[in-house]
Amino acid sequence: MWLGLSDYVTEGSFQWVTSEPFTYNNWNTGQPDNKKDAEDCAVVNSVGKWEDVNCDISLPALIEYE
């Protein structure tokens, strides 16, 4: 599931698509790794940890409502 985080603006510096700041993270060991310089979207894996993946794949998204 895509979290709404990406590092499109500055490689290696993930931020929310809303530009809001975030301080909490739950990266899996060794992540984010930007494998093949092509992973810019943060997702939650099957054990609840975050990983960076290629944004070109089709992903479900997490939506926040106020």
N, C-alpha and C. Protein backbone atom coordinates (compact mmCIF):
# COMPACT_ATOMS: atom_id res chain seq x y z
N MET A 1 0.84 -1.17 0.00
CA MET A 1 0.00 0.00 0.00
C MET A 1 0.89 1.24 0.00
N TRP A 2 0.64 2.15 -0.94
CA TRP A 2 1.42 3.37 -1.03
C TRP A 2 1.00 4.32 0.09
N LEU A 3 1.97 4.92 0.76
CA LEU A 3 1.72 5.79 1.90
C LEU A 3 1.49 7.26 1.55
N GLY A 4 1.81 7.65 0.34
CA GLY A 4 1.74 9.07 -0.01
C GLY A 4 3.07 9.77 0.22
N LEU A 5 4.13 8.99 0.36
CA LEU A 5 5.48 9.52 0.53
C LEU A 5 6.28 9.26 -0.74
N SER A 6 7.06 10.25 -1.15
CA SER A 6 7.97 10.04 -2.27
C SER A 6 9.20 10.91 -2.10
N ASP A 7 10.23 10.59 -2.87
CA ASP A 7 11.44 11.43 -2.86
C ASP A 7 11.70 11.99 -4.25
N TYR A 8 10.63 12.37 -4.95
CA TYR A 8 10.75 12.95 -6.29
C TYR A 8 11.48 14.29 -6.27
N VAL A 9 11.24 15.10 -5.26
CA VAL A 9 11.83 16.44 -5.21
C VAL A 9 13.32 16.38 -4.92
N THR A 10 13.70 15.66 -3.86
CA THR A 10 15.10 15.52 -3.48
C THR A 10 15.37 14.05 -3.21
N GLU A 11 16.16 13.41 -4.04
CA GLU A 11 16.48 11.99 -3.90
C GLU A 11 16.97 11.69 -2.49
N GLY A 12 16.34 10.69 -1.85
CA GLY A 12 16.73 10.27 -0.52
C GLY A 12 16.05 11.04 0.60
N SER A 13 15.29 12.06 0.25
CA SER A 13 14.57 12.86 1.24
C SER A 13 13.07 12.72 1.01
N PHE A 14 12.48 11.71 1.64
CA PHE A 14 11.06 11.44 1.43
C PHE A 14 10.20 12.51 2.09
N GLN A 15 9.08 12.85 1.41
CA GLN A 15 8.13 13.79 1.97
C GLN A 15 6.73 13.42 1.53
N TRP A 16 5.74 13.88 2.29
CA TRP A 16 4.34 13.64 1.95
C TRP A 16 4.00 14.38 0.67
N VAL A 17 3.06 13.85 -0.10
CA VAL A 17 2.63 14.54 -1.32
C VAL A 17 1.98 15.87 -1.00
N THR A 18 1.52 16.05 0.25
CA THR A 18 0.91 17.31 0.69
C THR A 18 1.96 18.31 1.16
N SER A 19 3.22 17.92 1.16
CA SER A 19 4.36 18.72 1.63
C SER A 19 4.37 18.93 3.15
N GLU A 20 3.47 18.25 3.86
CA GLU A 20 3.49 18.34 5.32
C GLU A 20 4.72 17.61 5.84
N PRO A 21 5.30 18.11 6.95
CA PRO A 21 6.48 17.45 7.51
C PRO A 21 6.11 16.11 8.16
N PHE A 22 7.05 15.18 8.20
CA PHE A 22 6.83 13.95 8.96
C PHE A 22 8.09 13.61 9.73
N THR A 23 7.92 13.06 10.92
CA THR A 23 9.06 12.69 11.74
C THR A 23 9.09 11.20 12.01
N TYR A 24 7.92 10.56 12.05
CA TYR A 24 7.86 9.11 12.30
C TYR A 24 8.21 8.36 11.03
N ASN A 25 8.95 7.27 11.17
CA ASN A 25 9.14 6.37 10.03
C ASN A 25 9.29 4.95 10.56
N ASN A 26 9.05 4.01 9.69
CA ASN A 26 9.09 2.59 10.06
C ASN A 26 9.77 1.80 8.94
N TRP A 27 10.92 2.31 8.47
CA TRP A 27 11.63 1.66 7.36
C TRP A 27 12.08 0.26 7.75
N ASN A 28 11.94 -0.66 6.82
CA ASN A 28 12.47 -2.01 6.96
C ASN A 28 14.00 -1.91 6.95
N THR A 29 14.67 -2.88 7.52
CA THR A 29 16.13 -2.90 7.53
C THR A 29 16.68 -2.78 6.11
N GLY A 30 17.62 -1.87 5.91
CA GLY A 30 18.23 -1.67 4.59
C GLY A 30 17.42 -0.78 3.66
N GLN A 31 16.32 -0.23 4.13
CA GLN A 31 15.46 0.63 3.30
C GLN A 31 15.52 2.05 3.82
N PRO A 32 15.28 3.03 3.02
CA PRO A 32 15.11 2.97 1.57
C PRO A 32 16.45 2.74 0.88
N ASP A 33 16.44 1.96 -0.18
CA ASP A 33 17.69 1.64 -0.86
C ASP A 33 17.77 2.16 -2.29
N ASN A 34 16.67 2.68 -2.82
CA ASN A 34 16.65 3.24 -4.18
C ASN A 34 17.28 2.30 -5.20
N LYS A 35 16.90 1.03 -5.13
CA LYS A 35 17.45 0.01 -6.02
C LYS A 35 17.37 0.44 -7.49
N LYS A 36 18.49 0.33 -8.18
CA LYS A 36 18.62 0.69 -9.60
C LYS A 36 18.23 2.15 -9.86
N ASP A 37 18.36 3.02 -8.86
CA ASP A 37 18.00 4.43 -8.99
C ASP A 37 16.58 4.62 -9.51
N ALA A 38 15.67 3.72 -9.12
CA ALA A 38 14.31 3.77 -9.68
C ALA A 38 13.21 3.60 -8.63
N GLU A 39 13.53 3.77 -7.35
CA GLU A 39 12.51 3.57 -6.32
C GLU A 39 12.27 4.88 -5.58
N ASP A 40 11.12 5.48 -5.83
CA ASP A 40 10.82 6.79 -5.28
C ASP A 40 9.53 6.85 -4.46
N CYS A 41 8.82 5.74 -4.31
CA CYS A 41 7.57 5.74 -3.55
C CYS A 41 7.70 4.82 -2.34
N ALA A 42 7.18 5.26 -1.20
CA ALA A 42 7.22 4.47 0.03
C ALA A 42 5.92 3.68 0.18
N VAL A 43 6.06 2.39 0.47
CA VAL A 43 4.91 1.51 0.66
C VAL A 43 5.05 0.76 1.99
N VAL A 44 3.92 0.23 2.45
CA VAL A 44 3.92 -0.65 3.63
C VAL A 44 3.96 -2.08 3.11
N ASN A 45 4.92 -2.88 3.59
CA ASN A 45 4.99 -4.27 3.15
C ASN A 45 4.08 -5.16 3.99
N SER A 46 4.12 -6.45 3.79
CA SER A 46 3.19 -7.38 4.44
C SER A 46 3.38 -7.51 5.94
N VAL A 47 4.49 -7.05 6.49
CA VAL A 47 4.71 -7.10 7.94
C VAL A 47 4.65 -5.71 8.58
N GLY A 48 4.18 -4.72 7.83
CA GLY A 48 3.98 -3.39 8.37
C GLY A 48 5.18 -2.47 8.32
N LYS A 49 6.25 -2.90 7.69
CA LYS A 49 7.45 -2.06 7.55
C LYS A 49 7.39 -1.31 6.23
N TRP A 50 8.12 -0.20 6.16
CA TRP A 50 8.16 0.62 4.95
C TRP A 50 9.29 0.19 4.04
N GLU A 51 9.05 0.27 2.73
CA GLU A 51 10.06 0.02 1.71
C GLU A 51 9.88 1.03 0.59
N ASP A 52 10.94 1.32 -0.13
CA ASP A 52 10.79 2.15 -1.32
C ASP A 52 10.67 1.24 -2.53
N VAL A 53 9.79 1.61 -3.45
CA VAL A 53 9.52 0.81 -4.65
C VAL A 53 9.45 1.73 -5.86
N ASN A 54 9.44 1.12 -7.03
CA ASN A 54 9.26 1.85 -8.27
C ASN A 54 7.83 2.38 -8.33
N CYS A 55 7.66 3.64 -8.59
CA CYS A 55 6.33 4.26 -8.62
C CYS A 55 5.51 3.89 -9.85
N ASP A 56 6.13 3.25 -10.82
CA ASP A 56 5.42 2.90 -12.05
C ASP A 56 4.50 1.70 -11.89
N ILE A 57 4.60 0.99 -10.76
CA ILE A 57 3.72 -0.15 -10.57
C ILE A 57 2.38 0.33 -10.01
N SER A 58 1.34 -0.45 -10.22
CA SER A 58 0.01 -0.10 -9.73
C SER A 58 -0.09 -0.47 -8.25
N LEU A 59 -0.39 0.51 -7.41
CA LEU A 59 -0.45 0.29 -5.97
C LEU A 59 -1.75 0.80 -5.38
N PRO A 60 -2.31 0.09 -4.40
CA PRO A 60 -3.40 0.69 -3.64
C PRO A 60 -2.83 1.83 -2.81
N ALA A 61 -3.65 2.77 -2.41
CA ALA A 61 -3.15 3.93 -1.66
C ALA A 61 -3.90 4.09 -0.34
N LEU A 62 -3.22 4.65 0.63
CA LEU A 62 -3.81 4.99 1.92
C LEU A 62 -4.28 6.43 1.83
N ILE A 63 -5.54 6.69 2.20
CA ILE A 63 -6.12 8.03 2.08
C ILE A 63 -6.45 8.57 3.46
N GLU A 64 -6.07 9.84 3.70
CA GLU A 64 -6.34 10.50 4.98
C GLU A 64 -7.53 11.44 4.81
N TYR A 65 -8.47 11.35 5.74
CA TYR A 65 -9.60 12.28 5.77
C TYR A 65 -9.51 13.13 7.03
N GLU A 66 -9.86 14.40 6.91
CA GLU A 66 -9.87 15.26 8.09
C GLU A 66 -11.22 15.19 8.76
